[in-house]
PDB file of N, CA and C in Angstrom:
ATOM      1  N   MET A   1       0.823  -1.194   0.000  1.00  0.00           N
ATOM      2  CA  MET A   1       0.000   0.000   0.000  1.00  0.00           C
ATOM      3  C   MET A   1       0.868   1.258   0.000  1.00  0.00           C
ATOM      4  N   THR A   2       1.948   1.274   0.778  1.00  0.00           N
ATOM      5  CA  THR A   2       2.832   2.429   0.827  1.00  0.00           C
ATOM      6  C   THR A   2       3.468   2.686  -0.536  1.00  0.00           C
ATOM      7  N   VAL A   3       3.839   1.638  -1.236  1.00  0.00           N
ATOM      8  CA  VAL A   3       4.434   1.788  -2.566  1.00  0.00           C
ATOM      9  C   VAL A   3       3.424   2.394  -3.523  1.00  0.00           C
ATOM     10  N   THR A   4       2.176   1.948  -3.450  1.00  0.00           N
ATOM     11  CA  THR A   4       1.126   2.481  -4.317  1.00  0.00           C
ATOM     12  C   THR A   4       0.923   3.963  -4.052  1.00  0.00           C
ATOM     13  N   MET A   5       0.896   4.354  -2.783  1.00  0.00           N
ATOM     14  CA  MET A   5       0.715   5.771  -2.445  1.00  0.00           C
ATOM     15  C   MET A   5       1.901   6.601  -2.939  1.00  0.00           C
ATOM     16  N   LEU A   6       3.099   6.067  -2.805  1.00  0.00           N
ATOM     17  CA  LEU A   6       4.290   6.767  -3.255  1.00  0.00           C
ATOM     18  C   LEU A   6       4.271   6.939  -4.765  1.00  0.00           C
ATOM     19  N   LEU A   7       3.932   5.878  -5.480  1.00  0.00           N
ATOM     20  CA  LEU A   7       3.858   5.966  -6.945  1.00  0.00           C
ATOM     21  C   LEU A   7       2.770   6.939  -7.390  1.00  0.00           C
ATOM     22  N   THR A   8       1.649   6.952  -6.706  1.00  0.00           N
ATOM     23  CA  THR A   8       0.572   7.891  -7.019  1.00  0.00           C
ATOM     24  C   THR A   8       1.041   9.330  -6.802  1.00  0.00           C
ATOM     25  N   ALA A   9       1.739   9.569  -5.716  1.00  0.00           N
ATOM     26  CA  ALA A   9       2.253  10.915  -5.428  1.00  0.00           C
ATOM     27  C   ALA A   9       3.245  11.361  -6.496  1.00  0.00           C
ATOM     28  N   ILE A  10       4.109  10.452  -6.911  1.00  0.00           N
ATOM     29  CA  ILE A  10       5.081  10.780  -7.966  1.00  0.00           C
ATOM     30  C   ILE A  10       4.368  11.102  -9.261  1.00  0.00           C
ATOM     31  N   LEU A  11       3.355  10.332  -9.601  1.00  0.00           N
ATOM     32  CA  LEU A  11       2.581  10.567 -10.818  1.00  0.00           C
ATOM     33  C   LEU A  11       1.903  11.926 -10.773  1.00  0.00           C
ATOM     34  N   VAL A  12       1.294  12.267  -9.638  1.00  0.00           N
ATOM     35  CA  VAL A  12       0.610  13.547  -9.493  1.00  0.00           C
ATOM     36  C   VAL A  12       1.598  14.700  -9.653  1.00  0.00           C
ATOM     37  N   VAL A  13       2.751  14.606  -9.016  1.00  0.00           N
ATOM     38  CA  VAL A  13       3.768  15.652  -9.128  1.00  0.00           C
ATOM     39  C   VAL A  13       4.239  15.788 -10.569  1.00  0.00           C
ATOM     40  N   SER A  14       4.419  14.666 -11.253  1.00  0.00           N
ATOM     41  CA  SER A  14       4.853  14.695 -12.653  1.00  0.00           C
ATOM     42  C   SER A  14       3.826  15.376 -13.536  1.00  0.00           C
ATOM     43  N   VAL A  15       2.559  15.019 -13.360  1.00  0.00           N
ATOM     44  CA  VAL A  15       1.482  15.602 -14.169  1.00  0.00           C
ATOM     45  C   VAL A  15       1.387  17.098 -13.910  1.00  0.00           C
ATOM     46  N   ILE A  16       1.494  17.500 -12.652  1.00  0.00           N
ATOM     47  CA  ILE A  16       1.441  18.932 -12.320  1.00  0.00           C
ATOM     48  C   ILE A  16       2.615  19.661 -12.970  1.00  0.00           C
ATOM     49  N   GLY A  17       3.801  19.068 -12.916  1.00  0.00           N
ATOM     50  CA  GLY A  17       4.975  19.690 -13.533  1.00  0.00           C
ATOM     51  C   GLY A  17       4.803  19.852 -15.037  1.00  0.00           C
ATOM     52  N   ILE A  18       4.287  18.835 -15.707  1.00  0.00           N
ATOM     53  CA  ILE A  18       4.050  18.912 -17.157  1.00  0.00           C
ATOM     54  C   ILE A  18       3.022  19.990 -17.453  1.00  0.00           C
ATOM     55  N   TYR A  19       1.966  20.049 -16.664  1.00  0.00           N
ATOM     56  CA  TYR A  19       0.931  21.058 -16.868  1.00  0.00           C
ATOM     57  C   TYR A  19       1.516  22.466 -16.726  1.00  0.00           C
ATOM     58  N   GLN A  20       2.363  22.673 -15.709  1.00  0.00           N
ATOM     59  CA  GLN A  20       2.955  23.991 -15.499  1.00  0.00           C
ATOM     60  C   GLN A  20       3.860  24.385 -16.664  1.00  0.00           C
ATOM     61  N   ILE A  21       4.623  23.441 -17.195  1.00  0.00           N
ATOM     62  CA  ILE A  21       5.493  23.728 -18.337  1.00  0.00           C
ATOM     63  C   ILE A  21       4.652  24.094 -19.552  1.00  0.00           C
ATOM     64  N   GLU A  22       3.619  23.296 -19.831  1.00  0.00           N
ATOM     65  CA  GLU A  22       2.767  23.581 -20.987  1.00  0.00           C
ATOM     66  C   GLU A  22       2.051  24.912 -20.829  1.00  0.00           C
ATOM     67  N   SER A  23       1.630  25.219 -19.621  1.00  0.00           N
ATOM     68  CA  SER A  23       0.959  26.482 -19.356  1.00  0.00           C
ATOM     69  C   SER A  23       1.904  27.657 -19.581  1.00  0.00           C
ATOM     70  N   ALA A  24       3.140  27.532 -19.119  1.00  0.00           N
ATOM     71  CA  ALA A  24       4.132  28.600 -19.309  1.00  0.00           C
ATOM     72  C   ALA A  24       4.436  28.798 -20.783  1.00  0.00           C
ATOM     73  N   GLU A  25       4.555  27.697 -21.534  1.00  0.00           N
ATOM     74  CA  GLU A  25       4.811  27.810 -22.975  1.00  0.00           C
ATOM     75  C   GLU A  25       3.640  28.477 -23.678  1.00  0.00           C
ATOM     76  N   ALA A  26       2.423  28.119 -23.302  1.00  0.00           N
ATOM     77  CA  ALA A  26       1.245  28.723 -23.917  1.00  0.00           C
ATOM     78  C   ALA A  26       1.192  30.218 -23.626  1.00  0.00           C
ATOM     79  N   GLN A  27       1.507  30.605 -22.397  1.00  0.00           N
ATOM     80  CA  GLN A  27       1.501  32.016 -22.052  1.00  0.00           C
ATOM     81  C   GLN A  27       2.553  32.774 -22.852  1.00  0.00           C
ATOM     82  N   SER A  28       3.729  32.198 -23.014  1.00  0.00           N
ATOM     83  CA  SER A  28       4.786  32.912 -23.723  1.00  0.00           C
ATOM     84  C   SER A  28       4.449  33.075 -25.193  1.00  0.00           C
ATOM     85  N   THR A  29       3.702  32.136 -25.775  1.00  0.00           N
ATOM     86  CA  THR A  29       3.363  32.276 -27.184  1.00  0.00           C
ATOM     87  C   THR A  29       2.120  33.123 -27.380  1.00  0.00           C
ATOM     88  N   ASN A  30       1.227  33.165 -26.411  1.00  0.00           N
ATOM     89  CA  ASN A  30      -0.002  33.914 -26.583  1.00  0.00           C
ATOM     90  C   ASN A  30       0.123  35.359 -26.119  1.00  0.00           C
ATOM     91  N   THR A  31       0.838  35.581 -25.051  1.00  0.00           N
ATOM     92  CA  THR A  31       0.879  36.925 -24.486  1.00  0.00           C
ATOM     93  C   THR A  31       2.283  37.509 -24.469  1.00  0.00           C
ATOM     94  N   GLY A  32       3.267  36.739 -24.856  1.00  0.00           N
ATOM     95  CA  GLY A  32       4.637  37.230 -24.816  1.00  0.00           C
ATOM     96  C   GLY A  32       4.850  38.352 -25.806  1.00  0.00           C
ATOM     97  N   SER A  33       5.684  39.262 -25.438  1.00  0.00           N
ATOM     98  CA  SER A  33       5.979  40.355 -26.351  1.00  0.00           C
ATOM     99  C   SER A  33       6.841  39.842 -27.495  1.00  0.00           C
ATOM    100  N   VAL A  34       6.843  40.578 -28.559  1.00  0.00           N
ATOM    101  CA  VAL A  34       7.638  40.213 -29.725  1.00  0.00           C
ATOM    102  C   VAL A  34       9.104  40.077 -29.341  1.00  0.00           C
ATOM    103  N   SER A  35       9.599  40.987 -28.524  1.00  0.00           N
ATOM    104  CA  SER A  35      11.018  40.917 -28.153  1.00  0.00           C
ATOM    105  C   SER A  35      11.332  39.664 -27.346  1.00  0.00           C
ATOM    106  N   GLU A  36      10.408  39.219 -26.506  1.00  0.00           N
ATOM    107  CA  GLU A  36      10.622  37.977 -25.753  1.00  0.00           C
ATOM    108  C   GLU A  36      10.666  36.774 -26.690  1.00  0.00           C
ATOM    109  N   LEU A  37       9.776  36.767 -27.673  1.00  0.00           N
ATOM    110  CA  LEU A  37       9.759  35.676 -28.646  1.00  0.00           C
ATOM    111  C   LEU A  37      11.063  35.648 -29.440  1.00  0.00           C
ATOM    112  N   ILE A  38      11.511  36.826 -29.862  1.00  0.00           N
ATOM    113  CA  ILE A  38      12.763  36.920 -30.607  1.00  0.00           C
ATOM    114  C   ILE A  38      13.940  36.488 -29.731  1.00  0.00           C
ATOM    115  N   ASP A  39      13.954  36.928 -28.480  1.00  0.00           N
ATOM    116  CA  ASP A  39      15.030  36.528 -27.563  1.00  0.00           C
ATOM    117  C   ASP A  39      15.086  35.016 -27.405  1.00  0.00           C
ATOM    118  N   ASN A  40      13.911  34.378 -27.321  1.00  0.00           N
ATOM    119  CA  ASN A  40      13.877  32.913 -27.230  1.00  0.00           C
ATOM    120  C   ASN A  40      14.498  32.292 -28.481  1.00  0.00           C
ATOM    121  N   GLY A  41      14.151  32.837 -29.642  1.00  0.00           N
ATOM    122  CA  GLY A  41      14.708  32.328 -30.890  1.00  0.00           C
ATOM    123  C   GLY A  41      16.209  32.518 -30.966  1.00  0.00           C
ATOM    124  N   ILE A  42      16.682  33.669 -30.566  1.00  0.00           N
ATOM    125  CA  ILE A  42      18.119  33.944 -30.587  1.00  0.00           C
ATOM    126  C   ILE A  42      18.853  32.985 -29.651  1.00  0.00           C
ATOM    127  N   SER A  43      18.294  32.786 -28.468  1.00  0.00           N
ATOM    128  CA  SER A  43      18.924  31.871 -27.496  1.00  0.00           C
ATOM    129  C   SER A  43      19.022  30.460 -28.065  1.00  0.00           C
ATOM    130  N   LEU A  44      17.962  30.001 -28.695  1.00  0.00           N
ATOM    131  CA  LEU A  44      17.982  28.663 -29.291  1.00  0.00           C
ATOM    132  C   LEU A  44      18.976  28.592 -30.444  1.00  0.00           C
ATOM    133  N   GLY A  45      19.024  29.638 -31.256  1.00  0.00           N
ATOM    134  CA  GLY A  45      19.986  29.674 -32.358  1.00  0.00           C
ATOM    135  C   GLY A  45      21.419  29.637 -31.856  1.00  0.00           C
ATOM    136  N   ASN A  46      21.662  30.314 -30.737  1.00  0.00           N
ATOM    137  CA  ASN A  46      23.009  30.360 -30.170  1.00  0.00           C
ATOM    138  C   ASN A  46      23.503  29.000 -29.694  1.00  0.00           C
ATOM    139  N   ILE A  47      22.580  28.101 -29.395  1.00  0.00           N
ATOM    140  CA  ILE A  47      22.986  26.766 -28.954  1.00  0.00           C
ATOM    141  C   ILE A  47      22.773  25.723 -30.055  1.00  0.00           C
ATOM    142  N   GLY A  48      22.595  26.208 -31.280  1.00  0.00           N
ATOM    143  CA  GLY A  48      22.525  25.302 -32.424  1.00  0.00           C
ATOM    144  C   GLY A  48      21.165  24.705 -32.713  1.00  0.00           C
ATOM    145  N   LYS A  49      20.133  25.203 -32.078  1.00  0.00           N
ATOM    146  CA  LYS A  49      18.787  24.684 -32.315  1.00  0.00           C
ATOM    147  C   LYS A  49      18.046  25.607 -33.281  1.00  0.00           C
ATOM    148  N   SER A  50      18.539  25.643 -34.513  1.00  0.00           N
ATOM    149  CA  SER A  50      18.043  26.583 -35.506  1.00  0.00           C
ATOM    150  C   SER A  50      16.602  26.334 -35.905  1.00  0.00           C
ATOM    151  N   GLU A  51      16.193  25.075 -36.044  1.00  0.00           N
ATOM    152  CA  GLU A  51      14.796  24.775 -36.404  1.00  0.00           C
ATOM    153  C   GLU A  51      13.846  25.331 -35.346  1.00  0.00           C
ATOM    154  N   GLU A  52      14.182  25.113 -34.082  1.00  0.00           N
ATOM    155  CA  GLU A  52      13.345  25.624 -32.999  1.00  0.00           C
ATOM    156  C   GLU A  52      13.380  27.145 -32.977  1.00  0.00           C
ATOM    157  N   ALA A  53      14.533  27.718 -33.265  1.00  0.00           N
ATOM    158  CA  ALA A  53      14.655  29.175 -33.302  1.00  0.00           C
ATOM    159  C   ALA A  53      13.716  29.762 -34.353  1.00  0.00           C
ATOM    160  N   ILE A  54      13.665  29.119 -35.504  1.00  0.00           N
ATOM    161  CA  ILE A  54      12.800  29.607 -36.587  1.00  0.00           C
ATOM    162  C   ILE A  54      11.345  29.645 -36.134  1.00  0.00           C
ATOM    163  N   SER A  55      10.920  28.650 -35.381  1.00  0.00           N
ATOM    164  CA  SER A  55       9.518  28.647 -34.931  1.00  0.00           C
ATOM    165  C   SER A  55       9.234  29.835 -34.010  1.00  0.00           C
ATOM    166  N   TRP A  56      10.211  30.230 -33.189  1.00  0.00           N
ATOM    167  CA  TRP A  56      10.016  31.406 -32.334  1.00  0.00           C
ATOM    168  C   TRP A  56       9.993  32.692 -33.152  1.00  0.00           C
ATOM    169  N   PHE A  57      10.858  32.773 -34.174  1.00  0.00           N
ATOM    170  CA  PHE A  57      10.824  33.961 -35.031  1.00  0.00           C
ATOM    171  C   PHE A  57       9.500  34.038 -35.780  1.00  0.00           C
ATOM    172  N   ASP A  58       8.989  32.892 -36.200  1.00  0.00           N
ATOM    173  CA  ASP A  58       7.687  32.865 -36.877  1.00  0.00           C
ATOM    174  C   ASP A  58       6.573  33.348 -35.952  1.00  0.00           C
ATOM    175  N   LYS A  59       6.626  32.970 -34.681  1.00  0.00           N
ATOM    176  CA  LYS A  59       5.626  33.431 -33.712  1.00  0.00           C
ATOM    177  C   LYS A  59       5.694  34.954 -33.566  1.00  0.00           C
ATOM    178  N   ALA A  60       6.909  35.481 -33.516  1.00  0.00           N
ATOM    179  CA  ALA A  60       7.074  36.938 -33.424  1.00  0.00           C
ATOM    180  C   ALA A  60       6.531  37.617 -34.669  1.00  0.00           C
ATOM    181  N   LEU A  61       6.789  37.010 -35.823  1.00  0.00           N
ATOM    182  CA  LEU A  61       6.343  37.604 -37.081  1.00  0.00           C
ATOM    183  C   LEU A  61       4.828  37.509 -37.275  1.00  0.00           C
ATOM    184  N   GLU A  62       4.186  36.561 -36.608  1.00  0.00           N
ATOM    185  CA  GLU A  62       2.720  36.503 -36.639  1.00  0.00           C
ATOM    186  C   GLU A  62       2.136  37.736 -35.961  1.00  0.00           C
ATOM    187  N   ILE A  63       2.809  38.198 -34.916  1.00  0.00           N
ATOM    188  CA  ILE A  63       2.348  39.369 -34.169  1.00  0.00           C
ATOM    189  C   ILE A  63       2.771  40.653 -34.869  1.00  0.00           C
ATOM    190  N   HIS A  64       4.019  40.681 -35.320  1.00  0.00           N
ATOM    191  CA  HIS A  64       4.572  41.890 -35.952  1.00  0.00           C
ATOM    192  C   HIS A  64       5.312  41.477 -37.226  1.00  0.00           C
ATOM    193  N   PRO A  65       4.585  41.381 -38.343  1.00  0.00           N
ATOM    194  CA  PRO A  65       5.163  40.847 -39.585  1.00  0.00           C
ATOM    195  C   PRO A  65       6.359  41.620 -40.145  1.00  0.00           C
ATOM    196  N   LYS A  66       6.535  42.851 -39.716  1.00  0.00           N
ATOM    197  CA  LYS A  66       7.636  43.648 -40.258  1.00  0.00           C
ATOM    198  C   LYS A  66       8.703  43.935 -39.205  1.00  0.00           C
ATOM    199  N   ASP A  67       8.848  43.051 -38.257  1.00  0.00           N
ATOM    200  CA  ASP A  67       9.908  43.238 -37.267  1.00  0.00           C
ATOM    201  C   ASP A  67      11.229  42.848 -37.917  1.00  0.00           C
ATOM    202  N   GLU A  68      12.074  43.841 -38.140  1.00  0.00           N
ATOM    203  CA  GLU A  68      13.308  43.618 -38.888  1.00  0.00           C
ATOM    204  C   GLU A  68      14.274  42.675 -38.172  1.00  0.00           C
ATOM    205  N   VAL A  69      14.253  42.659 -36.850  1.00  0.00           N
ATOM    206  CA  VAL A  69      15.138  41.765 -36.107  1.00  0.00           C
ATOM    207  C   VAL A  69      14.687  40.315 -36.298  1.00  0.00           C
ATOM    208  N   ALA A  70      13.385  40.069 -36.191  1.00  0.00           N
ATOM    209  CA  ALA A  70      12.864  38.710 -36.399  1.00  0.00           C
ATOM    210  C   ALA A  70      13.111  38.261 -37.841  1.00  0.00           C
ATOM    211  N   LEU A  71      12.904  39.164 -38.789  1.00  0.00           N
ATOM    212  CA  LEU A  71      13.149  38.829 -40.198  1.00  0.00           C
ATOM    213  C   LEU A  71      14.610  38.458 -40.420  1.00  0.00           C
ATOM    214  N   TYR A  72      15.498  39.296 -39.898  1.00  0.00           N
ATOM    215  CA  TYR A  72      16.931  39.067 -40.076  1.00  0.00           C
ATOM    216  C   TYR A  72      17.382  37.781 -39.382  1.00  0.00           C
ATOM    217  N   ASP A  73      16.969  37.608 -38.120  1.00  0.00           N
ATOM    218  CA  ASP A  73      17.427  36.446 -37.368  1.00  0.00           C
ATOM    219  C   ASP A  73      16.837  35.140 -37.899  1.00  0.00           C
ATOM    220  N   LYS A  74      15.670  35.217 -38.522  1.00  0.00           N
ATOM    221  CA  LYS A  74      15.150  34.023 -39.198  1.00  0.00           C
ATOM    222  C   LYS A  74      16.082  33.667 -40.349  1.00  0.00           C
ATOM    223  N   GLY A  75      16.577  34.677 -41.051  1.00  0.00           N
ATOM    224  CA  GLY A  75      17.560  34.439 -42.103  1.00  0.00           C
ATOM    225  C   GLY A  75      18.838  33.818 -41.571  1.00  0.00           C
ATOM    226  N   VAL A  76      19.276  34.276 -40.421  1.00  0.00           N
ATOM    227  CA  VAL A  76      20.483  33.718 -39.793  1.00  0.00           C
ATOM    228  C   VAL A  76      20.275  32.237 -39.478  1.00  0.00           C
ATOM    229  N   ALA A  77      19.109  31.927 -38.904  1.00  0.00           N
ATOM    230  CA  ALA A  77      18.819  30.535 -38.544  1.00  0.00           C
ATOM    231  C   ALA A  77      18.739  29.648 -39.794  1.00  0.00           C
ATOM    232  N   LEU A  78      18.110  30.158 -40.837  1.00  0.00           N
ATOM    233  CA  LEU A  78      18.025  29.388 -42.080  1.00  0.00           C
ATOM    234  C   LEU A  78      19.415  29.166 -42.672  1.00  0.00           C
ATOM    235  N   SER A  79      20.239  30.176 -42.612  1.00  0.00           N
ATOM    236  CA  SER A  79      21.604  30.054 -43.117  1.00  0.00           C
ATOM    237  C   SER A  79      22.389  28.999 -42.332  1.00  0.00           C
ATOM    238  N   ALA A  80      22.181  28.987 -41.022  1.00  0.00           N
ATOM    239  CA  ALA A  80      22.863  27.995 -40.177  1.00  0.00           C
ATOM    240  C   ALA A  80      22.463  26.569 -40.560  1.00  0.00           C
ATOM    241  N   LEU A  81      21.270  26.433 -41.106  1.00  0.00           N
ATOM    242  CA  LEU A  81      20.790  25.115 -41.546  1.00  0.00           C
ATOM    243  C   LEU A  81      21.213  24.797 -42.980  1.00  0.00           C
ATOM    244  N   GLY A  82      21.953  25.724 -43.602  1.00  0.00           N
ATOM    245  CA  GLY A  82      22.395  25.523 -44.979  1.00  0.00           C
ATOM    246  C   GLY A  82      21.334  25.876 -46.007  1.00  0.00           C
ATOM    247  N   ARG A  83      20.272  26.513 -45.575  1.00  0.00           N
ATOM    248  CA  ARG A  83      19.171  26.903 -46.467  1.00  0.00           C
ATOM    249  C   ARG A  83      19.388  28.349 -46.918  1.00  0.00           C
ATOM    250  N   HIS A  84      20.472  28.544 -47.669  1.00  0.00           N
ATOM    251  CA  HIS A  84      20.958  29.885 -47.985  1.00  0.00           C
ATOM    252  C   HIS A  84      20.019  30.686 -48.881  1.00  0.00           C
ATOM    253  N   GLU A  85      19.381  30.059 -49.848  1.00  0.00           N
ATOM    254  CA  GLU A  85      18.458  30.794 -50.720  1.00  0.00           C
ATOM    255  C   GLU A  85      17.292  31.353 -49.906  1.00  0.00           C
ATOM    256  N   GLU A  86      16.747  30.536 -49.014  1.00  0.00           N
ATOM    257  CA  GLU A  86      15.663  31.011 -48.146  1.00  0.00           C
ATOM    258  C   GLU A  86      16.166  32.124 -47.236  1.00  0.00           C
ATOM    259  N   ALA A  87      17.372  31.966 -46.728  1.00  0.00           N
ATOM    260  CA  ALA A  87      17.947  32.972 -45.834  1.00  0.00           C
ATOM    261  C   ALA A  87      18.041  34.318 -46.534  1.00  0.00           C
ATOM    262  N   ILE A  88      18.479  34.310 -47.775  1.00  0.00           N
ATOM    263  CA  ILE A  88      18.603  35.565 -48.536  1.00  0.00           C
ATOM    264  C   ILE A  88      17.255  36.263 -48.649  1.00  0.00           C
ATOM    265  N   THR A  89      16.201  35.487 -48.850  1.00  0.00           N
ATOM    266  CA  THR A  89      14.849  36.069 -48.932  1.00  0.00           C
ATOM    267  C   THR A  89      14.508  36.821 -47.650  1.00  0.00           C
ATOM    268  N   TRP A  90      14.836  36.224 -46.509  1.00  0.00           N
ATOM    269  CA  TRP A  90      14.519  36.862 -45.225  1.00  0.00           C
ATOM    270  C   TRP A  90      15.432  38.045 -44.946  1.00  0.00           C
ATOM    271  N   PHE A  91      16.693  37.962 -45.363  1.00  0.00           N
ATOM    272  CA  PHE A  91      17.585  39.119 -45.228  1.00  0.00           C
ATOM    273  C   PHE A  91      17.059  40.282 -46.069  1.00  0.00           C
ATOM    274  N   ASP A  92      16.605  39.979 -47.289  1.00  0.00           N
ATOM    275  CA  ASP A  92      16.044  41.027 -48.154  1.00  0.00           C
ATOM    276  C   ASP A  92      14.818  41.685 -47.521  1.00  0.00           C
ATOM    277  N   LYS A  93      13.958  40.870 -46.911  1.00  0.00           N
ATOM    278  CA  LYS A  93      12.770  41.420 -46.244  1.00  0.00           C
ATOM    279  C   LYS A  93      13.186  42.353 -45.109  1.00  0.00           C
ATOM    280  N   ALA A  94      14.184  41.958 -44.337  1.00  0.00           N
ATOM    281  CA  ALA A  94      14.665  42.798 -43.238  1.00  0.00           C
ATOM    282  C   ALA A  94      15.252  44.100 -43.777  1.00  0.00           C
ATOM    283  N   LEU A  95      16.000  44.003 -44.867  1.00  0.00           N
ATOM    284  CA  LEU A  95      16.578  45.205 -45.474  1.00  0.00           C
ATOM    285  C   LEU A  95      15.505  46.169 -45.965  1.00  0.00           C
ATOM    286  N   GLU A  96      14.417  45.637 -46.499  1.00  0.00           N
ATOM    287  CA  GLU A  96      13.318  46.486 -46.960  1.00  0.00           C
ATOM    288  C   GLU A  96      12.703  47.270 -45.812  1.00  0.00           C
ATOM    289  N   VAL A  97      12.619  46.652 -44.651  1.00  0.00           N
ATOM    290  CA  VAL A  97      11.996  47.303 -43.499  1.00  0.00           C
ATOM    291  C   VAL A  97      12.928  48.340 -42.886  1.00  0.00           C
ATOM    292  N   ASP A  98      14.181  47.952 -42.648  1.00  0.00           N
ATOM    293  CA  ASP A  98      15.103  48.865 -41.981  1.00  0.00           C
ATOM    294  C   ASP A  98      16.551  48.478 -42.271  1.00  0.00           C
ATOM    295  N   PRO A  99      17.133  49.064 -43.317  1.00  0.00           N
ATOM    296  CA  PRO A  99      18.509  48.707 -43.686  1.00  0.00           C
ATOM    297  C   PRO A  99      19.521  48.995 -42.579  1.00  0.00           C
ATOM    298  N   LEU A 100      19.322  50.060 -41.824  1.00  0.00           N
ATOM    299  CA  LEU A 100      20.279  50.416 -40.778  1.00  0.00           C
ATOM    300  C   LEU A 100      20.344  49.348 -39.691  1.00  0.00           C
ATOM    301  N   THR A 101      19.204  48.838 -39.263  1.00  0.00           N
ATOM    302  CA  THR A 101      19.188  47.797 -38.241  1.00  0.00           C
ATOM    303  C   THR A 101      19.921  46.565 -38.726  1.00  0.00           C
ATOM    304  N   VAL A 102      19.733  46.207 -39.969  1.00  0.00           N
ATOM    305  CA  VAL A 102      20.405  45.028 -40.530  1.00  0.00           C
ATOM    306  C   VAL A 102      21.919  45.249 -40.530  1.00  0.00           C
ATOM    307  N   LEU A 103      22.349  46.437 -40.925  1.00  0.00           N
ATOM    308  CA  LEU A 103      23.787  46.727 -40.933  1.00  0.00           C
ATOM    309  C   LEU A 103      24.371  46.674 -39.527  1.00  0.00           C
ATOM    310  N   ILE A 104      23.621  47.162 -38.559  1.00  0.00           N
ATOM    311  CA  ILE A 104      24.085  47.135 -37.165  1.00  0.00           C
ATOM    312  C   ILE A 104      24.189  45.692 -36.693  1.00  0.00           C
ATOM    313  N   ARG A 105      23.228  44.851 -37.051  1.00  0.00           N
ATOM    314  CA  ARG A 105      23.241  43.443 -36.632  1.00  0.00           C
ATOM    315  C   ARG A 105      24.381  42.681 -37.266  1.00  0.00           C
ATOM    316  N   LEU A 106      24.866  43.154 -38.401  1.00  0.00           N
ATOM    317  CA  LEU A 106      25.986  42.495 -39.071  1.00  0.00           C
ATOM    318  C   LEU A 106      27.295  42.704 -38.322  1.00  0.00           C
ATOM    319  N   ASP A 107      27.366  43.768 -37.519  1.00  0.00           N
ATOM    320  CA  ASP A 107      28.619  44.032 -36.776  1.00  0.00           C
ATOM    321  C   ASP A 107      28.909  42.995 -35.780  1.00  0.00           C
TER     322      ASP A 107
END
């Protein structure tokens, strides 16, 4: 009986932990600011998770389609994946919005 209670307690704690993680992720995608979404993408890109980074940049671009940082950094992530033609498209979009920001990001 004690083992059953212990296993039940572990299961409950696990389910609560999963729920809290999913809830936090939902909040960050639904109510997070564009800069927070972009920061998440940049952080993932910095550790080599370019595919995941792209999804965060896409979330930012859903909210603000002309955010030059999200446009540019999506290009960076695509380039890191070897998808250079696609990357150029996103760099061009960023340049159309704000060439100065793109030049600053290149430094």
